[in-house]
Amino acid sequence: MIKRALAIAVPLAFLAACSDDSDTVHTISTGTYAVSGATSAQALDTCGLLPAYQDPTKRIGITVVGADAIFNLANDPDADPDSLPRGLINGNAIEQATEANYTVAFTPSCVVRIRRSVTGDITENDQSALTLKFSAAVDAGTCAPSDTSFTNLPCDSSYHFLANKVQ
């Protein structure tokens, strides 16, 4: 009986010792994060924002309140709270995105509705692999893309990027 127990226990102990740290829960904290490695998650970047996320000086702000991660994609301390997408931190995942849904008046006769959401994974402490889903469409008036900061209207784009805390 003891030999049988050892025959089962020893291989299980070996497997446990050789397993990876996939159960390790990493954290992100409030601060400024450098963006790197940005790619388009779609065949076409119809909004035209990929170059901004590929800029080596691009920074985003992340505020963590309990299990909520709030993303200040412009890293603007005066950003309207309605423009800040949120995600729920669940282990190493950032999920259940709460979409930021707001309008911007680019001109008195050009009002654009913008929708943004962020999800992803916390890969190490204060490091994340994120996906931004972004769309823009005319909400009121008449707009040409040249009136806005977008390549096309309407547009719908998705971007993958890494975020690493710098302060």
C-alpha atoms as a PDB file:
ATOM      1  CA  MET A   1       0.000   0.000   0.000  1.00  0.00           C
ATOM      2  CA  ILE A   2       2.832   2.413   0.833  1.00  0.00           C
ATOM      3  CA  LYS A   3       4.590   1.595  -2.461  1.00  0.00           C
ATOM      4  CA  ARG A   4       1.389   2.338  -4.390  1.00  0.00           C
ATOM      5  CA  ALA A   5       0.943   5.684  -2.588  1.00  0.00           C
ATOM      6  CA  LEU A   6       4.562   6.594  -3.298  1.00  0.00           C
ATOM      7  CA  ALA A   7       4.185   5.504  -6.921  1.00  0.00           C
ATOM      8  CA  ILE A   8       1.372   8.039  -7.294  1.00  0.00           C
ATOM      9  CA  ALA A   9       2.701  10.770  -4.978  1.00  0.00           C
ATOM     10  CA  VAL A  10       6.229  11.033  -6.423  1.00  0.00           C
ATOM     11  CA  PRO A  11       5.143  11.717 -10.043  1.00  0.00           C
ATOM     12  CA  LEU A  12       2.532  14.220  -8.843  1.00  0.00           C
ATOM     13  CA  ALA A  13       5.119  16.035  -6.739  1.00  0.00           C
ATOM     14  CA  PHE A  14       7.490  16.085  -9.741  1.00  0.00           C
ATOM     15  CA  LEU A  15       4.783  17.543 -11.991  1.00  0.00           C
ATOM     16  CA  ALA A  16       3.946  20.175  -9.395  1.00  0.00           C
ATOM     17  CA  ALA A  17       7.606  21.150  -9.071  1.00  0.00           C
ATOM     18  CA  CYS A  18       7.978  21.414 -12.861  1.00  0.00           C
ATOM     19  CA  SER A  19       4.822  23.435 -13.471  1.00  0.00           C
ATOM     20  CA  ASP A  20       5.045  27.071 -14.482  1.00  0.00           C
ATOM     21  CA  ASP A  21       3.839  30.086 -12.513  1.00  0.00           C
ATOM     22  CA  SER A  22       0.634  30.418 -14.527  1.00  0.00           C
ATOM     23  CA  ASP A  23      -1.264  30.816 -11.264  1.00  0.00           C
ATOM     24  CA  THR A  24       0.760  33.910 -10.322  1.00  0.00           C
ATOM     25  CA  VAL A  25      -1.501  36.941 -10.231  1.00  0.00           C
ATOM     26  CA  HIS A  26       0.218  40.125 -11.364  1.00  0.00           C
ATOM     27  CA  THR A  27      -0.956  43.634 -10.570  1.00  0.00           C
ATOM     28  CA  ILE A  28      -1.075  47.004 -12.226  1.00  0.00           C
ATOM     29  CA  SER A  29      -0.981  50.227 -10.266  1.00  0.00           C
ATOM     30  CA  THR A  30      -1.964  53.818 -10.892  1.00  0.00           C
ATOM     31  CA  GLY A  31       0.525  55.713 -13.004  1.00  0.00           C
ATOM     32  CA  THR A  32       1.891  56.616 -16.416  1.00  0.00           C
ATOM     33  CA  TYR A  33       2.617  53.805 -18.863  1.00  0.00           C
ATOM     34  CA  ALA A  34       4.812  53.793 -21.976  1.00  0.00           C
ATOM     35  CA  VAL A  35       3.194  52.280 -25.062  1.00  0.00           C
ATOM     36  CA  SER A  36       5.191  49.991 -27.344  1.00  0.00           C
ATOM     37  CA  GLY A  37       4.766  47.285 -29.964  1.00  0.00           C
ATOM     38  CA  ALA A  38       1.499  48.688 -31.347  1.00  0.00           C
ATOM     39  CA  THR A  39      -0.090  46.820 -34.242  1.00  0.00           C
ATOM     40  CA  SER A  40      -3.450  46.920 -35.937  1.00  0.00           C
ATOM     41  CA  ALA A  41      -5.698  44.060 -34.865  1.00  0.00           C
ATOM     42  CA  GLN A  42      -7.603  44.365 -38.155  1.00  0.00           C
ATOM     43  CA  ALA A  43      -6.594  44.233 -41.803  1.00  0.00           C
ATOM     44  CA  LEU A  44      -7.244  47.972 -42.165  1.00  0.00           C
ATOM     45  CA  ASP A  45      -6.697  50.807 -39.711  1.00  0.00           C
ATOM     46  CA  THR A  46      -9.699  52.809 -40.897  1.00  0.00           C
ATOM     47  CA  CYS A  47      -9.438  55.386 -38.093  1.00  0.00           C
ATOM     48  CA  GLY A  48      -5.759  56.060 -38.791  1.00  0.00           C
ATOM     49  CA  LEU A  49      -4.620  56.108 -35.165  1.00  0.00           C
ATOM     50  CA  LEU A  50      -1.938  53.405 -35.392  1.00  0.00           C
ATOM     51  CA  PRO A  51       0.934  55.890 -35.945  1.00  0.00           C
ATOM     52  CA  ALA A  52       0.023  57.658 -32.689  1.00  0.00           C
ATOM     53  CA  TYR A  53       0.307  54.353 -30.785  1.00  0.00           C
ATOM     54  CA  GLN A  54       3.577  53.496 -32.554  1.00  0.00           C
ATOM     55  CA  ASP A  55       5.149  56.805 -31.500  1.00  0.00           C
ATOM     56  CA  PRO A  56       7.938  55.926 -29.011  1.00  0.00           C
ATOM     57  CA  THR A  57       6.916  58.879 -26.825  1.00  0.00           C
ATOM     58  CA  LYS A  58       3.273  57.700 -26.506  1.00  0.00           C
ATOM     59  CA  ARG A  59       2.099  57.500 -22.887  1.00  0.00           C
ATOM     60  CA  ILE A  60      -1.237  56.516 -21.365  1.00  0.00           C
ATOM     61  CA  GLY A  61      -2.496  56.936 -17.844  1.00  0.00           C
ATOM     62  CA  ILE A  62      -3.969  54.061 -15.878  1.00  0.00           C
ATOM     63  CA  THR A  63      -5.842  54.612 -12.631  1.00  0.00           C
ATOM     64  CA  VAL A  64      -6.659  51.578 -10.503  1.00  0.00           C
ATOM     65  CA  VAL A  65      -9.555  51.842  -8.053  1.00  0.00           C
ATOM     66  CA  GLY A  66     -10.304  48.513  -6.405  1.00  0.00           C
ATOM     67  CA  ALA A  67     -10.825  46.063  -9.283  1.00  0.00           C
ATOM     68  CA  ASP A  68     -11.470  48.829 -11.858  1.00  0.00           C
ATOM     69  CA  ALA A  69      -8.806  49.961 -14.317  1.00  0.00           C
ATOM     70  CA  ILE A  70      -9.521  53.367 -15.862  1.00  0.00           C
ATOM     71  CA  PHE A  71      -7.617  54.163 -19.065  1.00  0.00           C
ATOM     72  CA  ASN A  72      -6.667  57.747 -19.890  1.00  0.00           C
ATOM     73  CA  LEU A  73      -5.517  57.076 -23.444  1.00  0.00           C
ATOM     74  CA  ALA A  74      -4.399  60.676 -24.004  1.00  0.00           C
ATOM     75  CA  ASN A  75      -2.673  60.793 -20.584  1.00  0.00           C
ATOM     76  CA  ASP A  76      -4.433  64.120 -20.103  1.00  0.00           C
ATOM     77  CA  PRO A  77      -5.037  65.038 -16.442  1.00  0.00           C
ATOM     78  CA  ASP A  78      -7.989  67.226 -17.542  1.00  0.00           C
ATOM     79  CA  ALA A  79      -9.674  64.509 -19.637  1.00  0.00           C
ATOM     80  CA  ASP A  80     -13.450  64.332 -19.373  1.00  0.00           C
ATOM     81  CA  PRO A  81     -14.321  61.248 -17.259  1.00  0.00           C
ATOM     82  CA  ASP A  82     -16.846  60.223 -19.959  1.00  0.00           C
ATOM     83  CA  SER A  83     -13.944  59.789 -22.394  1.00  0.00           C
ATOM     84  CA  LEU A  84     -12.126  57.250 -20.195  1.00  0.00           C
ATOM     85  CA  PRO A  85     -12.832  53.574 -20.891  1.00  0.00           C
ATOM     86  CA  ARG A  86     -12.789  51.151 -17.972  1.00  0.00           C
ATOM     87  CA  GLY A  87     -12.073  47.477 -17.500  1.00  0.00           C
ATOM     88  CA  LEU A  88     -12.555  45.059 -14.645  1.00  0.00           C
ATOM     89  CA  ILE A  89      -9.384  43.418 -13.309  1.00  0.00           C
ATOM     90  CA  ASN A  90     -10.018  39.708 -12.822  1.00  0.00           C
ATOM     91  CA  GLY A  91      -6.820  37.842 -11.949  1.00  0.00           C
ATOM     92  CA  ASN A  92      -4.420  38.602 -14.798  1.00  0.00           C
ATOM     93  CA  ALA A  93      -7.196  39.678 -17.166  1.00  0.00           C
ATOM     94  CA  ILE A  94      -8.682  43.093 -17.851  1.00  0.00           C
ATOM     95  CA  GLU A  95     -12.172  42.313 -19.055  1.00  0.00           C
ATOM     96  CA  GLN A  96     -15.791  43.428 -19.034  1.00  0.00           C
ATOM     97  CA  ALA A  97     -14.879  46.643 -20.750  1.00  0.00           C
ATOM     98  CA  THR A  98     -17.053  49.636 -20.018  1.00  0.00           C
ATOM     99  CA  GLU A  99     -17.071  51.595 -23.230  1.00  0.00           C
ATOM    100  CA  ALA A 100     -16.333  55.304 -23.224  1.00  0.00           C
ATOM    101  CA  ASN A 101     -19.102  56.781 -25.395  1.00  0.00           C
ATOM    102  CA  TYR A 102     -18.969  60.530 -25.928  1.00  0.00           C
ATOM    103  CA  THR A 103     -19.103  63.276 -28.543  1.00  0.00           C
ATOM    104  CA  VAL A 104     -16.532  65.796 -29.734  1.00  0.00           C
ATOM    105  CA  ALA A 105     -17.428  68.970 -31.630  1.00  0.00           C
ATOM    106  CA  PHE A 106     -14.541  69.356 -34.088  1.00  0.00           C
ATOM    107  CA  THR A 107     -16.297  72.375 -35.631  1.00  0.00           C
ATOM    108  CA  PRO A 108     -19.648  73.996 -34.814  1.00  0.00           C
ATOM    109  CA  SER A 109     -21.212  71.918 -37.607  1.00  0.00           C
ATOM    110  CA  CYS A 110     -19.214  68.692 -37.110  1.00  0.00           C
ATOM    111  CA  VAL A 111     -19.966  66.591 -34.035  1.00  0.00           C
ATOM    112  CA  VAL A 112     -18.438  63.107 -33.911  1.00  0.00           C
ATOM    113  CA  ARG A 113     -19.460  60.252 -31.586  1.00  0.00           C
ATOM    114  CA  ILE A 114     -16.458  58.309 -30.317  1.00  0.00           C
ATOM    115  CA  ARG A 115     -16.561  54.888 -28.696  1.00  0.00           C
ATOM    116  CA  ARG A 116     -13.513  53.295 -27.053  1.00  0.00           C
ATOM    117  CA  SER A 117     -12.971  50.205 -24.945  1.00  0.00           C
ATOM    118  CA  VAL A 118      -9.870  48.497 -23.551  1.00  0.00           C
ATOM    119  CA  THR A 119      -9.334  44.856 -22.574  1.00  0.00           C
ATOM    120  CA  GLY A 120      -6.206  42.775 -22.153  1.00  0.00           C
ATOM    121  CA  ASP A 121      -3.896  40.822 -19.907  1.00  0.00           C
ATOM    122  CA  ILE A 122      -1.609  41.801 -17.052  1.00  0.00           C
ATOM    123  CA  THR A 123       1.600  40.041 -18.083  1.00  0.00           C
ATOM    124  CA  GLU A 124       3.895  41.121 -15.229  1.00  0.00           C
ATOM    125  CA  ASN A 125       3.559  43.590 -12.380  1.00  0.00           C
ATOM    126  CA  ASP A 126       2.827  46.992 -13.960  1.00  0.00           C
ATOM    127  CA  GLN A 127       2.996  45.529 -17.495  1.00  0.00           C
ATOM    128  CA  SER A 128       0.025  44.775 -19.711  1.00  0.00           C
ATOM    129  CA  ALA A 129      -0.812  43.602 -23.223  1.00  0.00           C
ATOM    130  CA  LEU A 130      -3.864  45.655 -24.179  1.00  0.00           C
ATOM    131  CA  THR A 131      -6.410  45.849 -26.995  1.00  0.00           C
ATOM    132  CA  LEU A 132      -8.089  49.147 -27.787  1.00  0.00           C
ATOM    133  CA  LYS A 133     -11.305  49.052 -29.808  1.00  0.00           C
ATOM    134  CA  PHE A 134     -12.081  52.454 -31.302  1.00  0.00           C
ATOM    135  CA  SER A 135     -14.844  53.793 -33.498  1.00  0.00           C
ATOM    136  CA  ALA A 136     -15.945  57.227 -34.667  1.00  0.00           C
ATOM    137  CA  ALA A 137     -18.998  58.356 -36.630  1.00  0.00           C
ATOM    138  CA  VAL A 138     -20.755  61.618 -37.414  1.00  0.00           C
ATOM    139  CA  ASP A 139     -23.283  62.302 -34.665  1.00  0.00           C
ATOM    140  CA  ALA A 140     -24.576  65.654 -35.878  1.00  0.00           C
ATOM    141  CA  GLY A 141     -23.906  68.013 -38.737  1.00  0.00           C
ATOM    142  CA  THR A 142     -21.650  67.402 -41.677  1.00  0.00           C
ATOM    143  CA  CYS A 143     -18.055  66.265 -41.259  1.00  0.00           C
ATOM    144  CA  ALA A 144     -15.243  65.438 -43.602  1.00  0.00           C
ATOM    145  CA  PRO A 145     -12.304  63.424 -42.283  1.00  0.00           C
ATOM    146  CA  SER A 146     -10.172  66.547 -42.795  1.00  0.00           C
ATOM    147  CA  ASP A 147     -12.336  68.288 -40.149  1.00  0.00           C
ATOM    148  CA  THR A 148     -11.293  65.643 -37.606  1.00  0.00           C
ATOM    149  CA  SER A 149      -8.230  63.685 -36.508  1.00  0.00           C
ATOM    150  CA  PHE A 150      -9.430  60.505 -38.289  1.00  0.00           C
ATOM    151  CA  THR A 151      -8.544  59.077 -41.682  1.00  0.00           C
ATOM    152  CA  ASN A 152     -12.151  58.053 -42.445  1.00  0.00           C
ATOM    153  CA  LEU A 153     -15.632  58.679 -41.085  1.00  0.00           C
ATOM    154  CA  PRO A 154     -17.200  56.468 -40.008  1.00  0.00           C
ATOM    155  CA  CYS A 155     -14.277  54.353 -38.862  1.00  0.00           C
ATOM    156  CA  ASP A 156     -13.762  51.268 -36.756  1.00  0.00           C
ATOM    157  CA  SER A 157     -10.287  50.140 -35.670  1.00  0.00           C
ATOM    158  CA  SER A 158      -8.678  47.874 -33.121  1.00  0.00           C
ATOM    159  CA  TYR A 159      -5.096  48.036 -31.827  1.00  0.00           C
ATOM    160  CA  HIS A 160      -2.861  45.742 -29.769  1.00  0.00           C
ATOM    161  CA  PHE A 161      -0.079  47.314 -27.723  1.00  0.00           C
ATOM    162  CA  LEU A 162       2.061  46.825 -24.633  1.00  0.00           C
ATOM    163  CA  ALA A 163       1.895  49.196 -21.663  1.00  0.00           C
ATOM    164  CA  ASN A 164       4.805  49.357 -19.186  1.00  0.00           C
ATOM    165  CA  LYS A 165       4.761  51.634 -16.141  1.00  0.00           C
ATOM    166  CA  VAL A 166       7.278  54.464 -16.250  1.00  0.00           C
ATOM    167  CA  GLN A 167       6.110  56.493 -13.224  1.00  0.00           C
END
